[in-house]
């Protein structure tokens, strides 16, 4: 999946929230996520 936004800081916040969301389901993001 891809997300596009005008703010890098907001995408960094989104990344943290997505990781928390996935952790609850015992999943994780690929280390290559950038």
ModelCIF file with pLDDT and N, C-alpha, C, O atoms, coordinates in Angstrom:
data_MODEL
#
_entry.id   MODEL 
#
_entity.id                         1 
_entity.type                       polymer 
_entity.pdbx_number_of_molecules   1 
#
_entity_poly.entity_id                      1 
_entity_poly.type                           'polypeptide(L)' 
_entity_poly.nstd_linkage                   no 
_entity_poly.nstd_monomer                   no 
_entity_poly.pdbx_seq_one_letter_code       
;(UNK)(UNK)(UNK)(UNK)(UNK)(UNK)(UNK)(UNK)(UNK)(UNK)(UNK)(UNK)(UNK)(UNK)(UNK)(UNK)
(UNK)(UNK)(UNK)(UNK)(UNK)(UNK)(UNK)(UNK)(UNK)(UNK)(UNK)(UNK)(UNK)(UNK)(UNK)(UNK)
(UNK)(UNK)
;
_entity_poly.pdbx_seq_one_letter_code_can   XXXXXXXXXXXXXXXXXXXXXXXXXXXXXXXXXX 
_entity_poly.pdbx_strand_id                 A 
#
loop_
_entity_poly_seq.entity_id 
_entity_poly_seq.num 
_entity_poly_seq.mon_id 
_entity_poly_seq.hetero 
1 1  UNK n 
1 2  UNK n 
1 3  UNK n 
1 4  UNK n 
1 5  UNK n 
1 6  UNK n 
1 7  UNK n 
1 8  UNK n 
1 9  UNK n 
1 10 UNK n 
1 11 UNK n 
1 12 UNK n 
1 13 UNK n 
1 14 UNK n 
1 15 UNK n 
1 16 UNK n 
1 17 UNK n 
1 18 UNK n 
1 19 UNK n 
1 20 UNK n 
1 21 UNK n 
1 22 UNK n 
1 23 UNK n 
1 24 UNK n 
1 25 UNK n 
1 26 UNK n 
1 27 UNK n 
1 28 UNK n 
1 29 UNK n 
1 30 UNK n 
1 31 UNK n 
1 32 UNK n 
1 33 UNK n 
1 34 UNK n 
#
_struct_asym.id          A 
_struct_asym.entity_id   1 
#
loop_
_ma_qa_metric.id 
_ma_qa_metric.mode 
_ma_qa_metric.name 
_ma_qa_metric.software_group_id 
_ma_qa_metric.type 
1 global pLDDT . pLDDT 
2 local  pLDDT . pLDDT 
#
_ma_qa_metric_global.metric_id      1 
_ma_qa_metric_global.metric_value   95.41 
_ma_qa_metric_global.model_id       1 
_ma_qa_metric_global.ordinal_id     1 
#
loop_
_ma_qa_metric_local.label_asym_id 
_ma_qa_metric_local.label_comp_id 
_ma_qa_metric_local.label_seq_id 
_ma_qa_metric_local.metric_id 
_ma_qa_metric_local.metric_value 
_ma_qa_metric_local.model_id 
_ma_qa_metric_local.ordinal_id 
A UNK 1  2 96.00 1 1  
A UNK 2  2 96.00 1 2  
A UNK 3  2 96.00 1 3  
A UNK 4  2 96.00 1 4  
A UNK 5  2 96.00 1 5  
A UNK 6  2 95.00 1 6  
A UNK 7  2 95.00 1 7  
A UNK 8  2 95.00 1 8  
A UNK 9  2 96.00 1 9  
A UNK 10 2 97.00 1 10 
A UNK 11 2 96.00 1 11 
A UNK 12 2 96.00 1 12 
A UNK 13 2 97.00 1 13 
A UNK 14 2 97.00 1 14 
A UNK 15 2 97.00 1 15 
A UNK 16 2 96.00 1 16 
A UNK 17 2 97.00 1 17 
A UNK 18 2 97.00 1 18 
A UNK 19 2 96.00 1 19 
A UNK 20 2 96.00 1 20 
A UNK 21 2 96.00 1 21 
A UNK 22 2 96.00 1 22 
A UNK 23 2 95.00 1 23 
A UNK 24 2 94.00 1 24 
A UNK 25 2 93.00 1 25 
A UNK 26 2 95.00 1 26 
A UNK 27 2 96.00 1 27 
A UNK 28 2 96.00 1 28 
A UNK 29 2 96.00 1 29 
A UNK 30 2 94.00 1 30 
A UNK 31 2 93.00 1 31 
A UNK 32 2 91.00 1 32 
A UNK 33 2 93.00 1 33 
A UNK 34 2 93.00 1 34 
#
loop_
_atom_site.group_PDB 
_atom_site.id 
_atom_site.type_symbol 
_atom_site.label_atom_id 
_atom_site.label_alt_id 
_atom_site.label_comp_id 
_atom_site.label_asym_id 
_atom_site.label_entity_id 
_atom_site.label_seq_id 
_atom_site.pdbx_PDB_ins_code 
_atom_site.Cartn_x 
_atom_site.Cartn_y 
_atom_site.Cartn_z 
_atom_site.occupancy 
_atom_site.B_iso_or_equiv 
_atom_site.pdbx_formal_charge 
_atom_site.auth_seq_id 
_atom_site.auth_comp_id 
_atom_site.auth_asym_id 
_atom_site.auth_atom_id 
_atom_site.pdbx_PDB_model_num 
ATOM 1   N N  . UNK A 1 1  ? 0.825  -1.200  0.000  1.00 96.00 ? 1  UNK A N  1 
ATOM 2   C CA . UNK A 1 1  ? 0.000  0.000   0.000  1.00 96.00 ? 1  UNK A CA 1 
ATOM 3   C C  . UNK A 1 1  ? 0.863  1.256   0.000  1.00 96.00 ? 1  UNK A C  1 
ATOM 4   O O  . UNK A 1 1  ? 2.011  1.245   0.445  1.00 96.00 ? 1  UNK A O  1 
ATOM 5   N N  . UNK A 1 2  ? 0.279  2.338   -0.511 1.00 96.00 ? 2  UNK A N  1 
ATOM 6   C CA . UNK A 1 2  ? 0.962  3.636   -0.571 1.00 96.00 ? 2  UNK A CA 1 
ATOM 7   C C  . UNK A 1 2  ? 0.049  4.720   -0.007 1.00 96.00 ? 2  UNK A C  1 
ATOM 8   O O  . UNK A 1 2  ? -1.169 4.687   -0.181 1.00 96.00 ? 2  UNK A O  1 
ATOM 9   N N  . UNK A 1 3  ? 0.671  5.678   0.674  1.00 96.00 ? 3  UNK A N  1 
ATOM 10  C CA . UNK A 1 3  ? -0.008 6.865   1.161  1.00 96.00 ? 3  UNK A CA 1 
ATOM 11  C C  . UNK A 1 3  ? 0.754  8.075   0.623  1.00 96.00 ? 3  UNK A C  1 
ATOM 12  O O  . UNK A 1 3  ? 1.985  8.085   0.623  1.00 96.00 ? 3  UNK A O  1 
ATOM 13  N N  . UNK A 1 4  ? 0.028  9.088   0.168  1.00 96.00 ? 4  UNK A N  1 
ATOM 14  C CA . UNK A 1 4  ? 0.641  10.322  -0.328 1.00 96.00 ? 4  UNK A CA 1 
ATOM 15  C C  . UNK A 1 4  ? 0.072  11.488  0.463  1.00 96.00 ? 4  UNK A C  1 
ATOM 16  O O  . UNK A 1 4  ? -1.138 11.593  0.664  1.00 96.00 ? 4  UNK A O  1 
ATOM 17  N N  . UNK A 1 5  ? 0.978  12.372  0.914  1.00 96.00 ? 5  UNK A N  1 
ATOM 18  C CA . UNK A 1 5  ? 0.555  13.544  1.682  1.00 96.00 ? 5  UNK A CA 1 
ATOM 19  C C  . UNK A 1 5  ? 1.575  14.664  1.474  1.00 96.00 ? 5  UNK A C  1 
ATOM 20  O O  . UNK A 1 5  ? 2.741  14.401  1.180  1.00 96.00 ? 5  UNK A O  1 
ATOM 21  N N  . UNK A 1 6  ? 1.136  15.898  1.627  1.00 95.00 ? 6  UNK A N  1 
ATOM 22  C CA . UNK A 1 6  ? 2.049  17.030  1.412  1.00 95.00 ? 6  UNK A CA 1 
ATOM 23  C C  . UNK A 1 6  ? 3.058  17.207  2.551  1.00 95.00 ? 6  UNK A C  1 
ATOM 24  O O  . UNK A 1 6  ? 4.064  17.897  2.384  1.00 95.00 ? 6  UNK A O  1 
ATOM 25  N N  . UNK A 1 7  ? 2.792  16.583  3.717  1.00 95.00 ? 7  UNK A N  1 
ATOM 26  C CA . UNK A 1 7  ? 3.668  16.754  4.883  1.00 95.00 ? 7  UNK A CA 1 
ATOM 27  C C  . UNK A 1 7  ? 4.408  15.464  5.208  1.00 95.00 ? 7  UNK A C  1 
ATOM 28  O O  . UNK A 1 7  ? 3.790  14.420  5.418  1.00 95.00 ? 7  UNK A O  1 
ATOM 29  N N  . UNK A 1 8  ? 5.735  15.540  5.248  1.00 95.00 ? 8  UNK A N  1 
ATOM 30  C CA . UNK A 1 8  ? 6.539  14.385  5.644  1.00 95.00 ? 8  UNK A CA 1 
ATOM 31  C C  . UNK A 1 8  ? 6.315  14.051  7.120  1.00 95.00 ? 8  UNK A C  1 
ATOM 32  O O  . UNK A 1 8  ? 6.246  12.880  7.493  1.00 95.00 ? 8  UNK A O  1 
ATOM 33  N N  . UNK A 1 9  ? 6.204  15.086  7.955  1.00 96.00 ? 9  UNK A N  1 
ATOM 34  C CA . UNK A 1 9  ? 6.018  14.882  9.388  1.00 96.00 ? 9  UNK A CA 1 
ATOM 35  C C  . UNK A 1 9  ? 4.715  14.134  9.669  1.00 96.00 ? 9  UNK A C  1 
ATOM 36  O O  . UNK A 1 9  ? 4.657  13.283  10.557 1.00 96.00 ? 9  UNK A O  1 
ATOM 37  N N  . UNK A 1 10 ? 3.673  14.460  8.906  1.00 97.00 ? 10 UNK A N  1 
ATOM 38  C CA . UNK A 1 10 ? 2.403  13.768  9.133  1.00 97.00 ? 10 UNK A CA 1 
ATOM 39  C C  . UNK A 1 10 ? 2.485  12.303  8.700  1.00 97.00 ? 10 UNK A C  1 
ATOM 40  O O  . UNK A 1 10 ? 1.904  11.434  9.349  1.00 97.00 ? 10 UNK A O  1 
ATOM 41  N N  . UNK A 1 11 ? 3.201  12.025  7.608  1.00 96.00 ? 11 UNK A N  1 
ATOM 42  C CA . UNK A 1 11 ? 3.372  10.633  7.186  1.00 96.00 ? 11 UNK A CA 1 
ATOM 43  C C  . UNK A 1 11 ? 4.193  9.851   8.204  1.00 96.00 ? 11 UNK A C  1 
ATOM 44  O O  . UNK A 1 11 ? 3.950  8.662   8.414  1.00 96.00 ? 11 UNK A O  1 
ATOM 45  N N  . UNK A 1 12 ? 5.161  10.504  8.834  1.00 96.00 ? 12 UNK A N  1 
ATOM 46  C CA . UNK A 1 12 ? 5.929  9.835   9.892  1.00 96.00 ? 12 UNK A CA 1 
ATOM 47  C C  . UNK A 1 12 ? 5.014  9.492   11.073 1.00 96.00 ? 12 UNK A C  1 
ATOM 48  O O  . UNK A 1 12 ? 5.140  8.427   11.679 1.00 96.00 ? 12 UNK A O  1 
ATOM 49  N N  . UNK A 1 13 ? 4.106  10.397  11.387 1.00 97.00 ? 13 UNK A N  1 
ATOM 50  C CA . UNK A 1 13 ? 3.114  10.123  12.432 1.00 97.00 ? 13 UNK A CA 1 
ATOM 51  C C  . UNK A 1 13 ? 2.210  8.950   12.013 1.00 97.00 ? 13 UNK A C  1 
ATOM 52  O O  . UNK A 1 13 ? 1.914  8.068   12.820 1.00 97.00 ? 13 UNK A O  1 
ATOM 53  N N  . UNK A 1 14 ? 1.780  8.952   10.750 1.00 97.00 ? 14 UNK A N  1 
ATOM 54  C CA . UNK A 1 14 ? 0.939  7.869   10.228 1.00 97.00 ? 14 UNK A CA 1 
ATOM 55  C C  . UNK A 1 14 ? 1.660  6.525   10.313 1.00 97.00 ? 14 UNK A C  1 
ATOM 56  O O  . UNK A 1 14 ? 1.061  5.506   10.657 1.00 97.00 ? 14 UNK A O  1 
ATOM 57  N N  . UNK A 1 15 ? 2.937  6.539   9.999  1.00 97.00 ? 15 UNK A N  1 
ATOM 58  C CA . UNK A 1 15 ? 3.729  5.310   10.040 1.00 97.00 ? 15 UNK A CA 1 
ATOM 59  C C  . UNK A 1 15 ? 3.738  4.718   11.441 1.00 97.00 ? 15 UNK A C  1 
ATOM 60  O O  . UNK A 1 15 ? 3.577  3.509   11.607 1.00 97.00 ? 15 UNK A O  1 
ATOM 61  N N  . UNK A 1 16 ? 3.926  5.559   12.445 1.00 96.00 ? 16 UNK A N  1 
ATOM 62  C CA . UNK A 1 16 ? 3.915  5.093   13.836 1.00 96.00 ? 16 UNK A CA 1 
ATOM 63  C C  . UNK A 1 16 ? 2.551  4.519   14.201 1.00 96.00 ? 16 UNK A C  1 
ATOM 64  O O  . UNK A 1 16 ? 2.471  3.471   14.843 1.00 96.00 ? 16 UNK A O  1 
ATOM 65  N N  . UNK A 1 17 ? 1.488  5.189   13.800 1.00 97.00 ? 17 UNK A N  1 
ATOM 66  C CA . UNK A 1 17 ? 0.132  4.729   14.116 1.00 97.00 ? 17 UNK A CA 1 
ATOM 67  C C  . UNK A 1 17 ? -0.194 3.415   13.404 1.00 97.00 ? 17 UNK A C  1 
ATOM 68  O O  . UNK A 1 17 ? -0.844 2.541   13.977 1.00 97.00 ? 17 UNK A O  1 
ATOM 69  N N  . UNK A 1 18 ? 0.249  3.280   12.175 1.00 97.00 ? 18 UNK A N  1 
ATOM 70  C CA . UNK A 1 18 ? 0.014  2.042   11.417 1.00 97.00 ? 18 UNK A CA 1 
ATOM 71  C C  . UNK A 1 18 ? 0.757  0.878   12.068 1.00 97.00 ? 18 UNK A C  1 
ATOM 72  O O  . UNK A 1 18 ? 0.221  -0.226  12.167 1.00 97.00 ? 18 UNK A O  1 
ATOM 73  N N  . UNK A 1 19 ? 1.987  1.124   12.510 1.00 96.00 ? 19 UNK A N  1 
ATOM 74  C CA . UNK A 1 19 ? 2.750  0.066   13.183 1.00 96.00 ? 19 UNK A CA 1 
ATOM 75  C C  . UNK A 1 19 ? 2.053  -0.386  14.463 1.00 96.00 ? 19 UNK A C  1 
ATOM 76  O O  . UNK A 1 19 ? 2.021  -1.580  14.762 1.00 96.00 ? 19 UNK A O  1 
ATOM 77  N N  . UNK A 1 20 ? 1.490  0.565   15.227 1.00 96.00 ? 20 UNK A N  1 
ATOM 78  C CA . UNK A 1 20 ? 0.738  0.212   16.428 1.00 96.00 ? 20 UNK A CA 1 
ATOM 79  C C  . UNK A 1 20 ? -0.492 -0.617  16.072 1.00 96.00 ? 20 UNK A C  1 
ATOM 80  O O  . UNK A 1 20 ? -0.801 -1.610  16.730 1.00 96.00 ? 20 UNK A O  1 
ATOM 81  N N  . UNK A 1 21 ? -1.186 -0.191  15.020 1.00 96.00 ? 21 UNK A N  1 
ATOM 82  C CA . UNK A 1 21 ? -2.399 -0.883  14.584 1.00 96.00 ? 21 UNK A CA 1 
ATOM 83  C C  . UNK A 1 21 ? -2.084 -2.325  14.191 1.00 96.00 ? 21 UNK A C  1 
ATOM 84  O O  . UNK A 1 21 ? -2.814 -3.246  14.560 1.00 96.00 ? 21 UNK A O  1 
ATOM 85  N N  . UNK A 1 22 ? -1.003 -2.519  13.445 1.00 96.00 ? 22 UNK A N  1 
ATOM 86  C CA . UNK A 1 22 ? -0.628 -3.857  12.996 1.00 96.00 ? 22 UNK A CA 1 
ATOM 87  C C  . UNK A 1 22 ? -0.134 -4.724  14.149 1.00 96.00 ? 22 UNK A C  1 
ATOM 88  O O  . UNK A 1 22 ? -0.377 -5.930  14.171 1.00 96.00 ? 22 UNK A O  1 
ATOM 89  N N  . UNK A 1 23 ? 0.549  -4.117  15.095 1.00 95.00 ? 23 UNK A N  1 
ATOM 90  C CA . UNK A 1 23 ? 1.069  -4.874  16.232 1.00 95.00 ? 23 UNK A CA 1 
ATOM 91  C C  . UNK A 1 23 ? -0.058 -5.524  17.022 1.00 95.00 ? 23 UNK A C  1 
ATOM 92  O O  . UNK A 1 23 ? 0.109  -6.627  17.544 1.00 95.00 ? 23 UNK A O  1 
ATOM 93  N N  . UNK A 1 24 ? -1.197 -4.857  17.117 1.00 94.00 ? 24 UNK A N  1 
ATOM 94  C CA . UNK A 1 24 ? -2.358 -5.430  17.799 1.00 94.00 ? 24 UNK A CA 1 
ATOM 95  C C  . UNK A 1 24 ? -2.847 -6.687  17.093 1.00 94.00 ? 24 UNK A C  1 
ATOM 96  O O  . UNK A 1 24 ? -3.465 -7.553  17.713 1.00 94.00 ? 24 UNK A O  1 
ATOM 97  N N  . UNK A 1 25 ? -2.572 -6.785  15.807 1.00 93.00 ? 25 UNK A N  1 
ATOM 98  C CA . UNK A 1 25 ? -2.965 -7.961  15.023 1.00 93.00 ? 25 UNK A CA 1 
ATOM 99  C C  . UNK A 1 25 ? -1.784 -8.886  14.761 1.00 93.00 ? 25 UNK A C  1 
ATOM 100 O O  . UNK A 1 25 ? -1.850 -9.772  13.909 1.00 93.00 ? 25 UNK A O  1 
ATOM 101 N N  . UNK A 1 26 ? -0.706 -8.670  15.504 1.00 95.00 ? 26 UNK A N  1 
ATOM 102 C CA . UNK A 1 26 ? 0.494  -9.510  15.480 1.00 95.00 ? 26 UNK A CA 1 
ATOM 103 C C  . UNK A 1 26 ? 1.134  -9.541  14.094 1.00 95.00 ? 26 UNK A C  1 
ATOM 104 O O  . UNK A 1 26 ? 1.630  -10.573 13.642 1.00 95.00 ? 26 UNK A O  1 
ATOM 105 N N  . UNK A 1 27 ? 1.109  -8.382  13.431 1.00 96.00 ? 27 UNK A N  1 
ATOM 106 C CA . UNK A 1 27 ? 1.750  -8.211  12.140 1.00 96.00 ? 27 UNK A CA 1 
ATOM 107 C C  . UNK A 1 27 ? 2.758  -7.071  12.251 1.00 96.00 ? 27 UNK A C  1 
ATOM 108 O O  . UNK A 1 27 ? 2.736  -6.301  13.211 1.00 96.00 ? 27 UNK A O  1 
ATOM 109 N N  . UNK A 1 28 ? 3.635  -6.971  11.264 1.00 96.00 ? 28 UNK A N  1 
ATOM 110 C CA . UNK A 1 28 ? 4.632  -5.891  11.260 1.00 96.00 ? 28 UNK A CA 1 
ATOM 111 C C  . UNK A 1 28 ? 4.910  -5.460  9.830  1.00 96.00 ? 28 UNK A C  1 
ATOM 112 O O  . UNK A 1 28 ? 4.645  -6.199  8.881  1.00 96.00 ? 28 UNK A O  1 
ATOM 113 N N  . UNK A 1 29 ? 5.447  -4.258  9.689  1.00 96.00 ? 29 UNK A N  1 
ATOM 114 C CA . UNK A 1 29 ? 5.792  -3.728  8.377  1.00 96.00 ? 29 UNK A CA 1 
ATOM 115 C C  . UNK A 1 29 ? 7.153  -4.253  7.930  1.00 96.00 ? 29 UNK A C  1 
ATOM 116 O O  . UNK A 1 29 ? 8.019  -4.572  8.744  1.00 96.00 ? 29 UNK A O  1 
ATOM 117 N N  . UNK A 1 30 ? 7.311  -4.332  6.622  1.00 94.00 ? 30 UNK A N  1 
ATOM 118 C CA . UNK A 1 30 ? 8.596  -4.705  6.046  1.00 94.00 ? 30 UNK A CA 1 
ATOM 119 C C  . UNK A 1 30 ? 9.649  -3.653  6.417  1.00 94.00 ? 30 UNK A C  1 
ATOM 120 O O  . UNK A 1 30 ? 9.373  -2.455  6.364  1.00 94.00 ? 30 UNK A O  1 
ATOM 121 N N  . UNK A 1 31 ? 10.865 -4.102  6.796  1.00 93.00 ? 31 UNK A N  1 
ATOM 122 C CA . UNK A 1 31 ? 11.924 -3.132  7.135  1.00 93.00 ? 31 UNK A CA 1 
ATOM 123 C C  . UNK A 1 31 ? 12.237 -2.144  6.003  1.00 93.00 ? 31 UNK A C  1 
ATOM 124 O O  . UNK A 1 31 ? 12.781 -1.067  6.250  1.00 93.00 ? 31 UNK A O  1 
ATOM 125 N N  . UNK A 1 32 ? 11.892 -2.513  4.756  1.00 91.00 ? 32 UNK A N  1 
ATOM 126 C CA . UNK A 1 32 ? 12.162 -1.632  3.618  1.00 91.00 ? 32 UNK A CA 1 
ATOM 127 C C  . UNK A 1 32 ? 11.157 -0.484  3.510  1.00 91.00 ? 32 UNK A C  1 
ATOM 128 O O  . UNK A 1 32 ? 11.313 0.398   2.666  1.00 91.00 ? 32 UNK A O  1 
ATOM 129 N N  . UNK A 1 33 ? 10.136 -0.491  4.353  1.00 93.00 ? 33 UNK A N  1 
ATOM 130 C CA . UNK A 1 33 ? 9.154  0.597   4.352  1.00 93.00 ? 33 UNK A CA 1 
ATOM 131 C C  . UNK A 1 33 ? 9.856  1.939   4.529  1.00 93.00 ? 33 UNK A C  1 
ATOM 132 O O  . UNK A 1 33 ? 10.701 2.099   5.410  1.00 93.00 ? 33 UNK A O  1 
ATOM 133 N N  . UNK A 1 34 ? 9.494  2.906   3.676  1.00 93.00 ? 34 UNK A N  1 
ATOM 134 C CA . UNK A 1 34 ? 10.221 4.178   3.694  1.00 93.00 ? 34 UNK A CA 1 
ATOM 135 C C  . UNK A 1 34 ? 9.311  5.319   3.246  1.00 93.00 ? 34 UNK A C  1 
ATOM 136 O O  . UNK A 1 34 ? 9.744  6.471   3.196  1.00 93.00 ? 34 UNK A O  1 
#
